[in-house]
């Protein structure tokens, strides 16, 4: 399979075009899905959950369509998964942003930045990300010393388990920029807005999905 099929969830508040174009650019075949039935029918090797805006709307959409359970089952089966921005925040138990209950895939909370006045909220623009899981396949081709990625967010994830942290960023203090466990990955930053280094993230994820498909371990 030269072009792994990647299902991309449309929750109504995500930058679908940017994400699908990025996946196409790295040799994947993205298919937008809006229901659990669609996610099953495309025979996908990987699943991507993007999102921008309010976490409440993102989680509500996933629950209304039944895709919340699809995401939980997919990750529980250790199938290749990538969450982006809200797609990362949705995986945790609770968010301070409006008191939203997340999907509870991982223990932890989504908390608002509490920084000195010189650190404007939202955290917006380029910042250096340092990978703390050097052997993660999502880091392939990227420096452990730090790479610049693009962020737009007012809240950040605080995992209960420090071993879940894949990468960190500093904005008036360290925060979790990415998580990784098995073949589940998620980033607070937007790879699709991060030029060549962002495309490398999608390329690495597509490689994980392709390898799993070929090995019959989707």
N, C-alpha and C. Protein backbone atom coordinates (compact mmCIF):
# COMPACT_ATOMS: atom_id res chain seq x y z
N UNK A 1 0.86 -1.19 0.00
CA UNK A 1 0.00 0.00 0.00
C UNK A 1 0.89 1.23 0.00
N UNK A 2 1.04 1.87 -1.15
CA UNK A 2 1.95 3.01 -1.26
C UNK A 2 1.40 4.25 -0.58
N UNK A 3 0.08 4.44 -0.60
CA UNK A 3 -0.53 5.62 0.01
C UNK A 3 -1.49 5.16 1.10
N UNK A 4 -1.08 5.21 2.37
CA UNK A 4 -1.96 4.76 3.43
C UNK A 4 -3.21 5.63 3.53
N UNK A 5 -4.35 4.99 3.68
CA UNK A 5 -5.61 5.72 3.84
C UNK A 5 -5.69 6.22 5.28
N UNK A 6 -5.86 7.53 5.44
CA UNK A 6 -5.98 8.14 6.76
C UNK A 6 -7.36 8.78 6.87
N UNK A 7 -8.16 8.30 7.83
CA UNK A 7 -9.47 8.90 8.08
C UNK A 7 -9.28 10.17 8.90
N UNK A 8 -9.91 11.26 8.47
CA UNK A 8 -9.83 12.55 9.17
C UNK A 8 -11.23 12.91 9.64
N UNK A 9 -11.40 13.04 10.94
CA UNK A 9 -12.72 13.32 11.50
C UNK A 9 -13.12 14.77 11.28
N UNK A 10 -14.30 14.96 10.72
CA UNK A 10 -14.89 16.29 10.58
C UNK A 10 -15.87 16.49 11.74
N UNK A 11 -15.45 17.27 12.73
CA UNK A 11 -16.33 17.55 13.87
C UNK A 11 -17.03 18.90 13.73
N UNK A 12 -16.89 19.51 12.56
CA UNK A 12 -17.59 20.76 12.30
C UNK A 12 -16.81 22.00 12.68
N UNK A 13 -15.71 21.84 13.43
CA UNK A 13 -14.94 23.01 13.86
C UNK A 13 -13.45 22.75 13.68
N UNK A 14 -13.09 22.23 12.53
CA UNK A 14 -11.68 21.94 12.30
C UNK A 14 -11.26 22.44 10.92
N UNK A 15 -9.96 22.65 10.78
CA UNK A 15 -9.41 23.14 9.52
C UNK A 15 -9.10 21.96 8.61
N UNK A 16 -10.17 21.36 8.10
CA UNK A 16 -10.05 20.13 7.32
C UNK A 16 -9.15 20.27 6.10
N UNK A 17 -9.29 21.35 5.37
CA UNK A 17 -8.54 21.50 4.13
C UNK A 17 -7.04 21.50 4.40
N UNK A 18 -6.62 22.23 5.43
CA UNK A 18 -5.19 22.30 5.74
C UNK A 18 -4.64 20.94 6.13
N UNK A 19 -5.41 20.20 6.92
CA UNK A 19 -4.96 18.89 7.39
C UNK A 19 -4.92 17.89 6.23
N UNK A 20 -5.96 17.86 5.43
CA UNK A 20 -5.98 16.89 4.32
C UNK A 20 -4.91 17.21 3.29
N UNK A 21 -4.67 18.49 3.04
CA UNK A 21 -3.62 18.88 2.08
C UNK A 21 -2.25 18.47 2.60
N UNK A 22 -2.04 18.62 3.91
CA UNK A 22 -0.75 18.22 4.50
C UNK A 22 -0.55 16.72 4.37
N UNK A 23 -1.60 15.94 4.61
CA UNK A 23 -1.50 14.49 4.48
C UNK A 23 -1.23 14.08 3.03
N UNK A 24 -1.90 14.74 2.10
CA UNK A 24 -1.64 14.45 0.69
C UNK A 24 -0.20 14.78 0.32
N UNK A 25 0.32 15.87 0.89
CA UNK A 25 1.68 16.30 0.57
C UNK A 25 2.74 15.30 1.00
N UNK A 26 2.42 14.47 2.01
CA UNK A 26 3.40 13.48 2.49
C UNK A 26 3.10 12.08 1.97
N UNK A 27 2.20 12.00 0.99
CA UNK A 27 1.96 10.72 0.32
C UNK A 27 0.87 9.87 0.92
N UNK A 28 0.04 10.43 1.81
CA UNK A 28 -1.09 9.70 2.37
C UNK A 28 -2.35 9.99 1.56
N UNK A 29 -3.38 9.18 1.79
CA UNK A 29 -4.65 9.36 1.12
C UNK A 29 -5.73 9.67 2.16
N UNK A 30 -5.98 10.96 2.44
CA UNK A 30 -6.95 11.31 3.48
C UNK A 30 -8.40 11.15 3.02
N UNK A 31 -9.24 10.65 3.93
CA UNK A 31 -10.67 10.54 3.68
C UNK A 31 -11.40 11.16 4.86
N UNK A 32 -12.20 12.18 4.59
CA UNK A 32 -12.97 12.85 5.64
C UNK A 32 -14.13 11.96 6.06
N UNK A 33 -14.30 11.78 7.38
CA UNK A 33 -15.39 10.96 7.90
C UNK A 33 -16.20 11.76 8.91
N UNK A 34 -17.50 11.51 8.92
CA UNK A 34 -18.40 12.25 9.81
C UNK A 34 -19.24 11.34 10.70
N UNK A 35 -19.15 10.04 10.48
CA UNK A 35 -19.91 9.07 11.27
C UNK A 35 -19.04 7.84 11.53
N UNK A 36 -19.38 7.04 12.54
CA UNK A 36 -18.64 5.79 12.76
C UNK A 36 -18.69 4.87 11.56
N UNK A 37 -19.83 4.85 10.87
CA UNK A 37 -19.98 3.98 9.71
C UNK A 37 -18.99 4.38 8.61
N UNK A 38 -18.83 5.68 8.39
CA UNK A 38 -17.87 6.15 7.40
C UNK A 38 -16.44 5.79 7.80
N UNK A 39 -16.14 5.90 9.08
CA UNK A 39 -14.78 5.58 9.54
C UNK A 39 -14.45 4.11 9.31
N UNK A 40 -15.46 3.25 9.41
CA UNK A 40 -15.24 1.82 9.18
C UNK A 40 -15.16 1.50 7.69
N UNK A 41 -15.94 2.20 6.89
CA UNK A 41 -16.05 1.85 5.48
C UNK A 41 -14.80 2.19 4.67
N UNK A 42 -14.00 3.15 5.13
CA UNK A 42 -12.83 3.55 4.33
C UNK A 42 -11.63 2.64 4.57
N UNK A 43 -11.75 1.70 5.51
CA UNK A 43 -10.65 0.75 5.77
C UNK A 43 -9.34 1.49 6.04
N UNK A 44 -9.40 2.45 6.96
CA UNK A 44 -8.28 3.34 7.20
C UNK A 44 -7.16 2.68 7.99
N UNK A 45 -5.94 3.12 7.67
CA UNK A 45 -4.77 2.67 8.41
C UNK A 45 -4.48 3.57 9.60
N UNK A 46 -5.04 4.78 9.60
CA UNK A 46 -4.83 5.73 10.68
C UNK A 46 -6.02 6.65 10.82
N UNK A 47 -6.12 7.30 11.98
CA UNK A 47 -7.23 8.21 12.26
C UNK A 47 -6.67 9.51 12.81
N UNK A 48 -7.15 10.64 12.27
CA UNK A 48 -6.72 11.97 12.73
C UNK A 48 -7.93 12.73 13.25
N UNK A 49 -7.78 13.33 14.44
CA UNK A 49 -8.81 14.18 15.02
C UNK A 49 -8.25 15.59 15.16
N UNK A 50 -8.57 16.48 14.21
CA UNK A 50 -8.15 17.88 14.32
C UNK A 50 -9.22 18.70 15.02
N UNK A 51 -8.89 19.96 15.31
CA UNK A 51 -9.91 20.82 15.91
C UNK A 51 -9.36 22.19 16.22
N UNK A 52 -10.21 23.19 16.05
CA UNK A 52 -9.90 24.57 16.44
C UNK A 52 -11.13 25.14 17.11
N UNK A 53 -10.93 26.13 17.98
CA UNK A 53 -12.08 26.77 18.62
C UNK A 53 -12.33 26.28 20.02
N UNK A 54 -13.59 25.97 20.33
CA UNK A 54 -14.01 25.62 21.69
C UNK A 54 -14.07 24.11 21.88
N UNK A 55 -13.46 23.64 22.96
CA UNK A 55 -13.46 22.20 23.23
C UNK A 55 -14.87 21.69 23.47
N UNK A 56 -15.71 22.50 24.09
CA UNK A 56 -17.10 22.08 24.34
C UNK A 56 -17.78 21.65 23.05
N UNK A 57 -17.62 22.45 21.99
CA UNK A 57 -18.25 22.14 20.71
C UNK A 57 -17.65 20.89 20.08
N UNK A 58 -16.35 20.75 20.21
CA UNK A 58 -15.66 19.58 19.65
C UNK A 58 -16.17 18.30 20.29
N UNK A 59 -16.19 18.25 21.61
CA UNK A 59 -16.62 17.05 22.33
C UNK A 59 -18.10 16.78 22.10
N UNK A 60 -18.91 17.83 22.08
CA UNK A 60 -20.35 17.66 21.85
C UNK A 60 -20.61 17.04 20.48
N UNK A 61 -19.86 17.49 19.47
CA UNK A 61 -20.02 16.94 18.13
C UNK A 61 -19.63 15.47 18.09
N UNK A 62 -18.51 15.12 18.73
CA UNK A 62 -18.06 13.73 18.74
C UNK A 62 -19.09 12.83 19.41
N UNK A 63 -19.68 13.30 20.49
CA UNK A 63 -20.68 12.49 21.20
C UNK A 63 -21.96 12.38 20.39
N UNK A 64 -22.37 13.46 19.74
CA UNK A 64 -23.62 13.45 18.98
C UNK A 64 -23.55 12.50 17.79
N UNK A 65 -22.39 12.40 17.17
CA UNK A 65 -22.24 11.56 15.99
C UNK A 65 -21.88 10.11 16.31
N UNK A 66 -21.47 9.86 17.56
CA UNK A 66 -21.01 8.53 17.93
C UNK A 66 -19.52 8.34 17.71
N UNK A 67 -18.84 9.37 17.20
CA UNK A 67 -17.41 9.25 16.94
C UNK A 67 -16.58 9.30 18.21
N UNK A 68 -17.16 9.75 19.31
CA UNK A 68 -16.44 9.72 20.58
C UNK A 68 -16.05 8.29 20.92
N UNK A 69 -16.98 7.36 20.75
CA UNK A 69 -16.70 5.96 21.04
C UNK A 69 -15.73 5.38 20.01
N UNK A 70 -15.83 5.84 18.76
CA UNK A 70 -14.88 5.41 17.74
C UNK A 70 -13.46 5.76 18.14
N UNK A 71 -13.27 6.98 18.62
CA UNK A 71 -11.94 7.43 19.04
C UNK A 71 -11.45 6.59 20.21
N UNK A 72 -12.30 6.37 21.20
CA UNK A 72 -11.90 5.57 22.36
C UNK A 72 -11.50 4.15 21.94
N UNK A 73 -12.32 3.53 21.11
CA UNK A 73 -12.05 2.15 20.68
C UNK A 73 -10.78 2.08 19.84
N UNK A 74 -10.59 3.06 18.99
CA UNK A 74 -9.42 3.09 18.11
C UNK A 74 -8.14 3.15 18.95
N UNK A 75 -8.12 4.04 19.92
CA UNK A 75 -6.93 4.20 20.76
C UNK A 75 -6.74 2.98 21.66
N UNK A 76 -7.83 2.44 22.19
CA UNK A 76 -7.74 1.26 23.05
C UNK A 76 -7.14 0.07 22.30
N UNK A 77 -7.39 0.00 20.99
CA UNK A 77 -6.86 -1.07 20.16
C UNK A 77 -5.44 -0.78 19.68
N UNK A 78 -4.87 0.35 20.10
CA UNK A 78 -3.53 0.78 19.70
C UNK A 78 -3.40 0.89 18.18
N UNK A 79 -4.44 1.41 17.55
CA UNK A 79 -4.35 1.70 16.13
C UNK A 79 -3.80 3.12 15.95
N UNK A 80 -3.08 3.41 14.88
CA UNK A 80 -2.43 4.71 14.72
C UNK A 80 -3.44 5.87 14.78
N UNK A 81 -3.21 6.76 15.73
CA UNK A 81 -4.11 7.89 15.97
C UNK A 81 -3.28 9.15 16.15
N UNK A 82 -3.77 10.27 15.59
CA UNK A 82 -3.12 11.57 15.77
C UNK A 82 -4.18 12.61 16.11
N UNK A 83 -4.06 13.23 17.27
CA UNK A 83 -4.92 14.34 17.65
C UNK A 83 -4.16 15.65 17.46
N UNK A 84 -4.87 16.69 17.02
CA UNK A 84 -4.24 17.99 16.78
C UNK A 84 -5.02 19.08 17.50
N UNK A 85 -4.34 19.82 18.35
CA UNK A 85 -4.91 20.95 19.10
C UNK A 85 -6.09 20.49 19.96
N UNK A 86 -7.33 20.83 19.59
CA UNK A 86 -8.48 20.34 20.37
C UNK A 86 -8.55 18.82 20.34
N UNK A 87 -8.02 18.22 19.28
CA UNK A 87 -7.99 16.77 19.18
C UNK A 87 -7.09 16.14 20.23
N UNK A 88 -6.16 16.90 20.77
CA UNK A 88 -5.36 16.45 21.91
C UNK A 88 -6.11 16.72 23.21
N UNK A 89 -6.64 17.91 23.36
CA UNK A 89 -7.33 18.27 24.60
C UNK A 89 -8.54 17.39 24.88
N UNK A 90 -9.22 16.96 23.81
CA UNK A 90 -10.42 16.14 23.96
C UNK A 90 -10.14 14.79 24.60
N UNK A 91 -8.89 14.34 24.57
CA UNK A 91 -8.56 13.01 25.08
C UNK A 91 -8.52 12.93 26.60
N UNK A 92 -8.52 14.08 27.27
CA UNK A 92 -8.38 14.08 28.72
C UNK A 92 -9.74 14.14 29.42
N UNK A 93 -9.70 14.11 30.75
CA UNK A 93 -10.93 13.93 31.52
C UNK A 93 -11.77 15.18 31.66
N UNK A 94 -11.11 16.34 31.78
CA UNK A 94 -11.86 17.55 32.13
C UNK A 94 -11.10 18.78 31.67
N UNK A 95 -11.84 19.81 31.25
CA UNK A 95 -11.23 21.08 30.88
C UNK A 95 -11.80 22.22 31.71
N UNK A 96 -10.92 23.11 32.12
CA UNK A 96 -11.35 24.32 32.84
C UNK A 96 -12.13 25.26 31.93
N UNK A 97 -11.99 25.10 30.65
CA UNK A 97 -12.70 25.96 29.71
C UNK A 97 -14.18 25.65 29.67
N UNK A 98 -14.95 26.23 30.54
CA UNK A 98 -16.39 25.99 30.58
C UNK A 98 -16.78 24.74 31.34
N UNK A 99 -15.83 24.13 32.04
CA UNK A 99 -16.15 22.93 32.82
C UNK A 99 -16.56 21.77 31.95
N UNK A 100 -15.81 21.50 30.90
CA UNK A 100 -16.17 20.48 29.92
C UNK A 100 -15.56 19.14 30.29
N UNK A 101 -16.38 18.08 30.27
CA UNK A 101 -15.87 16.72 30.44
C UNK A 101 -15.37 16.23 29.09
N UNK A 102 -14.12 15.76 29.06
CA UNK A 102 -13.55 15.24 27.82
C UNK A 102 -13.88 13.77 27.62
N UNK A 103 -13.15 13.12 26.73
CA UNK A 103 -13.42 11.72 26.41
C UNK A 103 -12.84 10.77 27.45
N UNK A 104 -11.93 11.26 28.27
CA UNK A 104 -11.38 10.44 29.35
C UNK A 104 -10.51 9.29 28.89
N UNK A 105 -9.89 9.43 27.73
CA UNK A 105 -8.97 8.40 27.25
C UNK A 105 -7.75 8.33 28.17
N UNK A 106 -7.28 9.50 28.61
CA UNK A 106 -6.13 9.58 29.50
C UNK A 106 -6.49 10.39 30.74
N UNK A 107 -5.94 10.05 31.90
CA UNK A 107 -6.19 10.85 33.10
C UNK A 107 -5.46 12.19 33.02
N UNK A 108 -6.13 13.23 33.44
CA UNK A 108 -5.52 14.55 33.41
C UNK A 108 -6.55 15.62 33.07
N UNK A 109 -6.10 16.86 33.10
CA UNK A 109 -6.99 17.99 32.89
C UNK A 109 -6.43 18.92 31.81
N UNK A 110 -7.30 19.75 31.30
CA UNK A 110 -6.92 20.81 30.39
C UNK A 110 -7.09 22.12 31.16
N UNK A 111 -6.01 22.85 31.33
CA UNK A 111 -6.02 24.02 32.21
C UNK A 111 -5.66 25.28 31.44
N UNK A 112 -6.13 26.40 31.95
CA UNK A 112 -5.84 27.69 31.33
C UNK A 112 -4.42 28.14 31.68
N UNK A 113 -3.77 28.77 30.73
CA UNK A 113 -2.46 29.35 31.01
C UNK A 113 -2.57 30.36 32.15
N UNK A 114 -1.65 30.26 33.08
CA UNK A 114 -1.53 31.25 34.15
C UNK A 114 -0.10 31.75 34.11
N UNK A 115 0.09 32.88 33.46
CA UNK A 115 1.43 33.39 33.21
C UNK A 115 1.50 34.87 33.59
N UNK A 116 2.72 35.39 33.69
CA UNK A 116 2.94 36.81 33.94
C UNK A 116 2.35 37.63 32.79
N UNK A 117 2.00 38.90 33.06
CA UNK A 117 1.32 39.73 32.05
C UNK A 117 2.06 39.82 30.72
N UNK A 118 3.38 39.71 30.74
CA UNK A 118 4.11 39.83 29.47
C UNK A 118 3.89 38.65 28.53
N UNK A 119 3.32 37.57 29.06
CA UNK A 119 3.00 36.41 28.22
C UNK A 119 1.52 36.49 27.83
N UNK A 120 1.28 36.94 26.63
CA UNK A 120 -0.09 37.17 26.19
C UNK A 120 -0.83 35.85 26.00
N UNK A 121 -2.12 35.88 26.30
CA UNK A 121 -3.00 34.74 26.11
C UNK A 121 -4.07 35.17 25.10
N UNK A 122 -4.29 34.42 24.02
CA UNK A 122 -3.75 33.08 23.76
C UNK A 122 -2.27 33.08 23.39
N UNK A 123 -1.67 31.95 23.62
CA UNK A 123 -0.31 31.69 23.14
C UNK A 123 -0.42 31.48 21.64
N UNK A 124 0.11 32.41 20.87
CA UNK A 124 -0.09 32.37 19.42
C UNK A 124 1.22 32.64 18.70
N UNK A 125 1.57 31.76 17.77
CA UNK A 125 2.77 31.95 16.97
C UNK A 125 3.74 30.80 17.11
N UNK A 126 4.96 31.04 16.66
CA UNK A 126 5.98 30.01 16.63
C UNK A 126 6.67 29.89 17.98
N UNK A 127 6.93 28.65 18.40
CA UNK A 127 7.68 28.43 19.63
C UNK A 127 8.43 27.11 19.51
N UNK A 128 9.48 26.99 20.29
CA UNK A 128 10.35 25.81 20.20
C UNK A 128 9.78 24.66 21.01
N UNK A 129 9.74 23.50 20.39
CA UNK A 129 9.25 22.27 21.02
C UNK A 129 10.44 21.33 21.20
N UNK A 130 10.57 20.79 22.42
CA UNK A 130 11.65 19.86 22.73
C UNK A 130 11.06 18.48 23.00
N UNK A 131 11.51 17.49 22.26
CA UNK A 131 11.00 16.13 22.40
C UNK A 131 11.69 15.44 23.57
N UNK A 132 10.89 14.83 24.44
CA UNK A 132 11.43 14.15 25.62
C UNK A 132 11.28 12.63 25.52
N UNK A 133 10.66 12.17 24.43
CA UNK A 133 10.65 10.74 24.09
C UNK A 133 11.47 10.59 22.80
N UNK A 134 12.80 10.52 22.92
CA UNK A 134 13.64 10.56 21.72
C UNK A 134 13.44 9.39 20.76
N UNK A 135 12.90 8.28 21.26
CA UNK A 135 12.71 7.11 20.41
C UNK A 135 11.32 7.05 19.77
N UNK A 136 10.50 8.06 20.00
CA UNK A 136 9.16 8.05 19.42
C UNK A 136 9.22 8.13 17.90
N UNK A 137 8.45 7.32 17.19
CA UNK A 137 8.44 7.40 15.73
C UNK A 137 7.93 8.75 15.22
N UNK A 138 7.18 9.48 16.04
CA UNK A 138 6.68 10.78 15.60
C UNK A 138 7.82 11.81 15.53
N UNK A 139 8.93 11.53 16.20
CA UNK A 139 10.07 12.46 16.23
C UNK A 139 11.07 12.20 15.11
N UNK A 140 10.90 11.14 14.35
CA UNK A 140 11.87 10.78 13.32
C UNK A 140 12.16 11.96 12.39
N UNK A 141 13.45 12.24 12.18
CA UNK A 141 13.83 13.34 11.31
C UNK A 141 13.78 14.70 11.95
N UNK A 142 13.47 14.77 13.24
CA UNK A 142 13.38 16.03 13.97
C UNK A 142 14.40 16.04 15.11
N UNK A 143 14.89 17.19 15.45
CA UNK A 143 15.93 17.32 16.46
C UNK A 143 15.36 17.23 17.88
N UNK A 144 16.02 16.50 18.76
CA UNK A 144 15.62 16.46 20.17
C UNK A 144 15.96 17.78 20.86
N UNK A 145 16.84 18.55 20.25
CA UNK A 145 17.25 19.82 20.85
C UNK A 145 16.19 20.91 20.71
N UNK A 146 15.27 20.71 19.78
CA UNK A 146 14.19 21.68 19.63
C UNK A 146 13.88 22.00 18.18
N UNK A 147 12.60 22.07 17.88
CA UNK A 147 12.11 22.46 16.56
C UNK A 147 10.98 23.46 16.77
N UNK A 148 10.83 24.39 15.85
CA UNK A 148 9.79 25.41 15.96
C UNK A 148 8.49 24.94 15.30
N UNK A 149 7.39 25.07 16.05
CA UNK A 149 6.07 24.74 15.54
C UNK A 149 5.11 25.88 15.87
N UNK A 150 3.96 25.88 15.19
CA UNK A 150 3.00 26.98 15.32
C UNK A 150 1.88 26.62 16.30
N UNK A 151 1.63 27.51 17.25
CA UNK A 151 0.61 27.31 18.28
C UNK A 151 -0.47 28.39 18.20
N UNK A 152 -1.70 28.00 18.56
CA UNK A 152 -2.79 28.95 18.81
C UNK A 152 -3.66 28.32 19.89
N UNK A 153 -3.50 28.74 21.16
CA UNK A 153 -4.31 28.14 22.22
C UNK A 153 -4.21 28.96 23.51
N UNK A 154 -5.27 28.87 24.30
CA UNK A 154 -5.32 29.52 25.61
C UNK A 154 -5.27 28.51 26.74
N UNK A 155 -5.46 27.23 26.43
CA UNK A 155 -5.44 26.15 27.41
C UNK A 155 -4.39 25.13 27.01
N UNK A 156 -3.91 24.38 27.98
CA UNK A 156 -2.93 23.34 27.68
C UNK A 156 -3.22 22.12 28.54
N UNK A 157 -2.75 20.97 28.10
CA UNK A 157 -3.02 19.70 28.78
C UNK A 157 -2.04 19.48 29.92
N UNK A 158 -2.56 18.95 31.01
CA UNK A 158 -1.75 18.59 32.17
C UNK A 158 -1.99 17.12 32.48
N UNK A 159 -1.25 16.21 31.80
CA UNK A 159 -1.46 14.78 32.01
C UNK A 159 -1.14 14.36 33.45
N UNK A 160 -1.93 13.45 33.97
CA UNK A 160 -1.66 12.93 35.31
C UNK A 160 -0.44 12.02 35.31
N UNK A 161 -0.15 11.40 34.18
CA UNK A 161 0.98 10.50 34.05
C UNK A 161 2.09 11.19 33.27
N UNK A 162 3.22 11.55 33.92
CA UNK A 162 4.30 12.24 33.22
C UNK A 162 4.88 11.43 32.06
N UNK A 163 4.76 10.10 32.11
CA UNK A 163 5.31 9.26 31.05
C UNK A 163 4.57 9.45 29.73
N UNK A 164 3.40 10.08 29.77
CA UNK A 164 2.63 10.32 28.56
C UNK A 164 3.20 11.47 27.73
N UNK A 165 3.99 12.33 28.36
CA UNK A 165 4.49 13.53 27.69
C UNK A 165 5.51 13.15 26.62
N UNK A 166 5.24 13.55 25.41
CA UNK A 166 6.13 13.30 24.26
C UNK A 166 7.03 14.49 23.99
N UNK A 167 6.50 15.70 24.20
CA UNK A 167 7.28 16.91 23.93
C UNK A 167 6.78 18.03 24.83
N UNK A 168 7.69 18.97 25.10
CA UNK A 168 7.37 20.12 25.94
C UNK A 168 7.71 21.41 25.22
N UNK A 169 7.08 22.49 25.67
CA UNK A 169 7.34 23.82 25.16
C UNK A 169 7.39 24.76 26.36
N UNK A 170 8.06 25.89 26.22
CA UNK A 170 8.14 26.86 27.31
C UNK A 170 7.44 28.14 26.92
N UNK A 171 6.49 28.54 27.75
CA UNK A 171 5.82 29.83 27.57
C UNK A 171 5.56 30.39 28.96
N UNK A 172 6.59 31.01 29.51
CA UNK A 172 6.53 31.45 30.89
C UNK A 172 6.54 30.29 31.86
N UNK A 173 7.03 29.16 31.41
CA UNK A 173 7.02 27.90 32.16
C UNK A 173 6.73 26.75 31.21
N UNK A 174 7.22 25.58 31.54
CA UNK A 174 7.05 24.44 30.66
C UNK A 174 5.61 23.95 30.63
N UNK A 175 5.14 23.52 29.46
CA UNK A 175 3.83 22.88 29.34
C UNK A 175 3.95 21.75 28.32
N UNK A 176 2.97 20.85 28.34
CA UNK A 176 2.97 19.70 27.44
C UNK A 176 2.58 20.12 26.03
N UNK A 177 3.49 19.90 25.08
CA UNK A 177 3.24 20.27 23.69
C UNK A 177 2.78 19.10 22.86
N UNK A 178 3.04 17.87 23.32
CA UNK A 178 2.62 16.67 22.60
C UNK A 178 2.63 15.49 23.56
N UNK A 179 1.78 14.51 23.27
CA UNK A 179 1.73 13.29 24.06
C UNK A 179 1.92 12.09 23.13
N UNK A 180 2.35 10.99 23.71
CA UNK A 180 2.51 9.78 22.92
C UNK A 180 2.50 8.54 23.79
N UNK A 181 1.74 7.56 23.37
CA UNK A 181 1.72 6.25 24.03
C UNK A 181 1.36 5.21 22.99
N UNK A 182 2.24 4.23 22.82
CA UNK A 182 2.00 3.24 21.77
C UNK A 182 1.93 3.93 20.43
N UNK A 183 0.84 3.71 19.70
CA UNK A 183 0.66 4.35 18.39
C UNK A 183 -0.37 5.48 18.45
N UNK A 184 -0.60 5.97 19.66
CA UNK A 184 -1.46 7.15 19.85
C UNK A 184 -0.57 8.36 20.08
N UNK A 185 -0.77 9.39 19.27
CA UNK A 185 0.00 10.63 19.39
C UNK A 185 -0.98 11.81 19.34
N UNK A 186 -0.56 12.93 19.92
CA UNK A 186 -1.37 14.14 19.81
C UNK A 186 -0.47 15.34 20.05
N UNK A 187 -0.75 16.42 19.35
CA UNK A 187 0.05 17.64 19.47
C UNK A 187 -0.84 18.83 19.80
N UNK A 188 -0.34 19.71 20.69
CA UNK A 188 -1.05 20.96 20.95
C UNK A 188 -0.82 21.94 19.81
N UNK A 189 0.34 21.89 19.21
CA UNK A 189 0.65 22.76 18.07
C UNK A 189 -0.02 22.23 16.80
N UNK A 190 0.00 23.05 15.76
CA UNK A 190 -0.62 22.70 14.48
C UNK A 190 0.46 22.31 13.47
N UNK A 191 0.69 21.02 13.24
CA UNK A 191 1.69 20.63 12.24
C UNK A 191 1.35 21.17 10.85
N UNK A 192 0.07 21.23 10.52
CA UNK A 192 -0.33 21.67 9.18
C UNK A 192 -0.04 23.15 8.94
N UNK A 193 0.26 23.90 10.02
CA UNK A 193 0.61 25.32 9.89
C UNK A 193 2.10 25.55 10.15
N UNK A 194 2.86 24.46 10.26
CA UNK A 194 4.26 24.56 10.72
C UNK A 194 5.28 24.23 9.63
N UNK A 195 4.91 24.43 8.39
CA UNK A 195 5.81 24.30 7.26
C UNK A 195 6.52 22.93 7.23
N UNK A 196 7.81 22.90 6.91
CA UNK A 196 8.50 21.63 6.65
C UNK A 196 8.53 20.72 7.87
N UNK A 197 8.75 21.29 9.05
CA UNK A 197 8.82 20.46 10.26
C UNK A 197 7.44 19.88 10.59
N UNK A 198 6.40 20.63 10.31
CA UNK A 198 5.06 20.12 10.52
C UNK A 198 4.72 19.00 9.57
N UNK A 199 5.14 19.15 8.32
CA UNK A 199 4.93 18.07 7.35
C UNK A 199 5.68 16.81 7.77
N UNK A 200 6.82 16.99 8.44
CA UNK A 200 7.56 15.82 8.90
C UNK A 200 6.75 15.05 9.96
N UNK A 201 6.01 15.77 10.79
CA UNK A 201 5.13 15.11 11.77
C UNK A 201 4.10 14.26 11.04
N UNK A 202 3.45 14.82 10.03
CA UNK A 202 2.46 14.05 9.27
C UNK A 202 3.11 12.91 8.50
N UNK A 203 4.30 13.14 7.98
CA UNK A 203 5.02 12.07 7.28
C UNK A 203 5.32 10.90 8.23
N UNK A 204 5.75 11.24 9.44
CA UNK A 204 6.05 10.20 10.42
C UNK A 204 4.79 9.43 10.83
N UNK A 205 3.69 10.16 11.00
CA UNK A 205 2.45 9.48 11.36
C UNK A 205 1.98 8.56 10.23
N UNK A 206 2.07 9.05 9.00
CA UNK A 206 1.68 8.23 7.85
C UNK A 206 2.55 6.97 7.77
N UNK A 207 3.82 7.09 8.13
CA UNK A 207 4.71 5.93 8.11
C UNK A 207 4.30 4.90 9.15
N UNK A 208 3.90 5.38 10.34
CA UNK A 208 3.41 4.47 11.39
C UNK A 208 2.15 3.75 10.90
N UNK A 209 1.24 4.51 10.28
CA UNK A 209 -0.01 3.92 9.78
C UNK A 209 0.28 2.90 8.68
N UNK A 210 1.16 3.24 7.76
CA UNK A 210 1.50 2.34 6.66
C UNK A 210 2.11 1.05 7.19
N UNK A 211 3.03 1.17 8.13
CA UNK A 211 3.69 -0.02 8.69
C UNK A 211 2.70 -0.93 9.38
N UNK A 212 1.76 -0.35 10.11
CA UNK A 212 0.75 -1.16 10.79
C UNK A 212 -0.17 -1.86 9.81
N UNK A 213 -0.52 -1.17 8.73
CA UNK A 213 -1.40 -1.77 7.73
C UNK A 213 -0.72 -2.95 7.05
N UNK A 214 0.53 -2.75 6.67
CA UNK A 214 1.25 -3.81 5.97
C UNK A 214 1.51 -5.02 6.88
N UNK A 215 1.66 -4.75 8.18
CA UNK A 215 1.90 -5.83 9.13
C UNK A 215 0.62 -6.48 9.60
N UNK A 216 -0.51 -5.93 9.19
CA UNK A 216 -1.80 -6.47 9.60
C UNK A 216 -2.14 -6.15 11.05
N UNK A 217 -1.56 -5.07 11.58
CA UNK A 217 -1.82 -4.67 12.97
C UNK A 217 -2.48 -3.31 13.05
N UNK A 218 -3.36 -3.02 12.11
CA UNK A 218 -4.06 -1.74 12.11
C UNK A 218 -4.79 -1.53 13.41
